Amino acid sequence: MSAIAYTPIGVLRSPYTQLDGMPLQTVVEPEVEARVELDESVHGALRDLDGFSHLWLITHLHGVEGWTPEVVPFLDTVARGVLATRSPRHPNPIGLSLVALVAVEPGALRVRGIDLLDGTPVLDVKPYVPLFDARENARAGWFEQAGERVHEVRSDRRYES
């Protein structure tokens, strides 16, 4: 396969400056605000976004290098196949964060509920559409047990580059 290159459309400005102690998922700190500062080339693409309550942020997890087939996830003590986790140590360090949209501003988005480092490159933004994105009877695999700990466990340095 050939290499694929993406150009970030913006950068996230977050209160989290290090992985150690950062929330693991966006539901953990739903009131923490962040700002997505967008490249001038995409400012015209913000039209009609203000009608949505939530957005998917697709990001490059720049604080991680390399990947491993198995990892011990933050919420577990057992090694799991990396593709069955939300570890940043995937073959491609791409992040997917569901955030609340607070405001569409000139050249920026104010969002709430963040689990990303300050300076994270934003590759894309997509609206969350419950009709398409929520699934009845969805299963969460091993997360169904371990996921309850998400409000107790914080990020640490295990995946730092």
Foldseek 3Di string as FASTA:
>chain_A
DDDDDFDFQWFKAFPAADQAFFFPALVQFQAGKIKTQGDPVCQVVCPPVVVFFKKKWKFQQVQFDAADQWDADQLGDDIDGPVLDQDCRDRGSIHIHIWTFDDDDRRMTMTGRDRGHGGIGTRDMGGDDCVPPPDPPDDSPPCVPSVVCSNPTGGRCPRGD
